[in-house]
């Protein structure tokens, strides 16, 4: 884990302090959670890792593979037109 030093406006720092006391978690955890949410919203998290996690939860069924194969065939025909 890497340590960094940042400066925050007083309002943000005070809000973080209130949140960490209420949730009884370290200040670093509050900031880590906020950054993780921001990165997820902006799409900067590891897309491959998320895909893998999603795939493990809901693996492709045989029908999905058949649909994908059929779609490739249709697209190939469309490209030749």
C-alpha atoms as a PDB file:
ATOM      1  CA  UNK A   1       0.000   0.000   0.000  1.00  0.00           C
ATOM      2  CA  UNK A   2       1.259   3.455  -0.853  1.00  0.00           C
ATOM      3  CA  UNK A   3       1.002   6.458   1.458  1.00  0.00           C
ATOM      4  CA  UNK A   4       0.242   9.909   0.093  1.00  0.00           C
ATOM      5  CA  UNK A   5      -0.229  13.285   1.714  1.00  0.00           C
ATOM      6  CA  UNK A   6      -3.087  15.516   0.596  1.00  0.00           C
ATOM      7  CA  UNK A   7      -4.553  18.855   1.610  1.00  0.00           C
ATOM      8  CA  UNK A   8      -8.304  19.224   2.044  1.00  0.00           C
ATOM      9  CA  UNK A   9     -10.561  22.194   2.608  1.00  0.00           C
ATOM     10  CA  UNK A  10     -11.693  22.421   6.234  1.00  0.00           C
ATOM     11  CA  UNK A  11     -15.297  21.513   5.365  1.00  0.00           C
ATOM     12  CA  UNK A  12     -14.232  18.265   3.707  1.00  0.00           C
ATOM     13  CA  UNK A  13     -11.820  17.358   6.486  1.00  0.00           C
ATOM     14  CA  UNK A  14     -14.496  18.018   9.128  1.00  0.00           C
ATOM     15  CA  UNK A  15     -17.037  15.920   7.233  1.00  0.00           C
ATOM     16  CA  UNK A  16     -14.543  13.055   6.987  1.00  0.00           C
ATOM     17  CA  UNK A  17     -13.904  13.247  10.716  1.00  0.00           C
ATOM     18  CA  UNK A  18     -17.632  13.123  11.484  1.00  0.00           C
ATOM     19  CA  UNK A  19     -18.122  10.191   9.123  1.00  0.00           C
ATOM     20  CA  UNK A  20     -15.231   8.161  10.509  1.00  0.00           C
ATOM     21  CA  UNK A  21     -16.418   8.676  14.084  1.00  0.00           C
ATOM     22  CA  UNK A  22     -19.991   7.682  13.208  1.00  0.00           C
ATOM     23  CA  UNK A  23     -18.885   4.601  11.278  1.00  0.00           C
ATOM     24  CA  UNK A  24     -15.995   3.854  13.665  1.00  0.00           C
ATOM     25  CA  UNK A  25     -13.513   3.349  10.854  1.00  0.00           C
ATOM     26  CA  UNK A  26     -10.100   4.882  10.178  1.00  0.00           C
ATOM     27  CA  UNK A  27      -9.865   8.152   8.278  1.00  0.00           C
ATOM     28  CA  UNK A  28      -7.914   6.364   5.552  1.00  0.00           C
ATOM     29  CA  UNK A  29     -10.798   3.944   5.018  1.00  0.00           C
ATOM     30  CA  UNK A  30     -13.267   6.808   4.500  1.00  0.00           C
ATOM     31  CA  UNK A  31     -10.999   8.352   1.884  1.00  0.00           C
ATOM     32  CA  UNK A  32     -10.260   4.981   0.233  1.00  0.00           C
ATOM     33  CA  UNK A  33     -13.994   4.284  -0.062  1.00  0.00           C
ATOM     34  CA  UNK A  34     -14.640   7.711  -1.558  1.00  0.00           C
ATOM     35  CA  UNK A  35     -11.858   7.298  -4.103  1.00  0.00           C
ATOM     36  CA  UNK A  36     -13.021   3.784  -5.009  1.00  0.00           C
ATOM     37  CA  UNK A  37     -16.545   5.075  -5.679  1.00  0.00           C
ATOM     38  CA  UNK A  38     -15.238   7.949  -7.767  1.00  0.00           C
ATOM     39  CA  UNK A  39     -12.995   5.671  -9.829  1.00  0.00           C
ATOM     40  CA  UNK A  40     -15.837   3.221 -10.380  1.00  0.00           C
ATOM     41  CA  UNK A  41     -18.179   5.991 -11.513  1.00  0.00           C
ATOM     42  CA  UNK A  42     -15.576   7.347 -13.903  1.00  0.00           C
ATOM     43  CA  UNK A  43     -14.767   3.884 -15.247  1.00  0.00           C
ATOM     44  CA  UNK A  44     -11.129   3.824 -14.148  1.00  0.00           C
ATOM     45  CA  UNK A  45     -11.226   0.579 -12.189  1.00  0.00           C
ATOM     46  CA  UNK A  46      -9.878  -2.581 -13.711  1.00  0.00           C
ATOM     47  CA  UNK A  47     -12.556  -3.541 -16.231  1.00  0.00           C
ATOM     48  CA  UNK A  48     -11.091  -7.016 -16.710  1.00  0.00           C
ATOM     49  CA  UNK A  49     -11.331  -7.735 -12.987  1.00  0.00           C
ATOM     50  CA  UNK A  50     -14.962  -6.608 -12.898  1.00  0.00           C
ATOM     51  CA  UNK A  51     -15.774  -8.691 -15.968  1.00  0.00           C
ATOM     52  CA  UNK A  52     -14.214 -11.744 -14.383  1.00  0.00           C
ATOM     53  CA  UNK A  53     -16.159 -11.226 -11.158  1.00  0.00           C
ATOM     54  CA  UNK A  54     -19.394 -10.815 -13.097  1.00  0.00           C
ATOM     55  CA  UNK A  55     -18.674 -13.872 -15.192  1.00  0.00           C
ATOM     56  CA  UNK A  56     -18.048 -15.940 -12.078  1.00  0.00           C
ATOM     57  CA  UNK A  57     -21.405 -14.825 -10.682  1.00  0.00           C
ATOM     58  CA  UNK A  58     -23.267 -15.468 -13.933  1.00  0.00           C
ATOM     59  CA  UNK A  59     -21.294 -17.626 -16.364  1.00  0.00           C
ATOM     60  CA  UNK A  60     -22.405 -17.702 -19.966  1.00  0.00           C
ATOM     61  CA  UNK A  61     -24.893 -20.407 -20.683  1.00  0.00           C
ATOM     62  CA  UNK A  62     -24.781 -22.541 -23.792  1.00  0.00           C
ATOM     63  CA  UNK A  63     -27.517 -20.429 -25.442  1.00  0.00           C
ATOM     64  CA  UNK A  64     -25.451 -17.258 -25.062  1.00  0.00           C
ATOM     65  CA  UNK A  65     -22.546 -18.914 -26.851  1.00  0.00           C
ATOM     66  CA  UNK A  66     -24.868 -20.039 -29.649  1.00  0.00           C
ATOM     67  CA  UNK A  67     -26.308 -16.512 -29.994  1.00  0.00           C
ATOM     68  CA  UNK A  68     -22.823 -15.040 -30.174  1.00  0.00           C
ATOM     69  CA  UNK A  69     -21.815 -17.545 -32.850  1.00  0.00           C
ATOM     70  CA  UNK A  70     -24.962 -16.773 -34.852  1.00  0.00           C
ATOM     71  CA  UNK A  71     -24.354 -13.033 -34.554  1.00  0.00           C
ATOM     72  CA  UNK A  72     -20.848 -13.427 -35.941  1.00  0.00           C
ATOM     73  CA  UNK A  73     -22.266 -15.279 -38.932  1.00  0.00           C
ATOM     74  CA  UNK A  74     -24.889 -12.618 -39.590  1.00  0.00           C
ATOM     75  CA  UNK A  75     -22.354  -9.824 -39.310  1.00  0.00           C
ATOM     76  CA  UNK A  76     -20.040 -11.601 -41.741  1.00  0.00           C
ATOM     77  CA  UNK A  77     -22.864 -11.799 -44.295  1.00  0.00           C
ATOM     78  CA  UNK A  78     -23.738  -8.122 -43.747  1.00  0.00           C
ATOM     79  CA  UNK A  79     -20.117  -7.061 -44.281  1.00  0.00           C
ATOM     80  CA  UNK A  80     -20.028  -8.783 -47.692  1.00  0.00           C
ATOM     81  CA  UNK A  81     -23.082  -6.848 -48.918  1.00  0.00           C
END
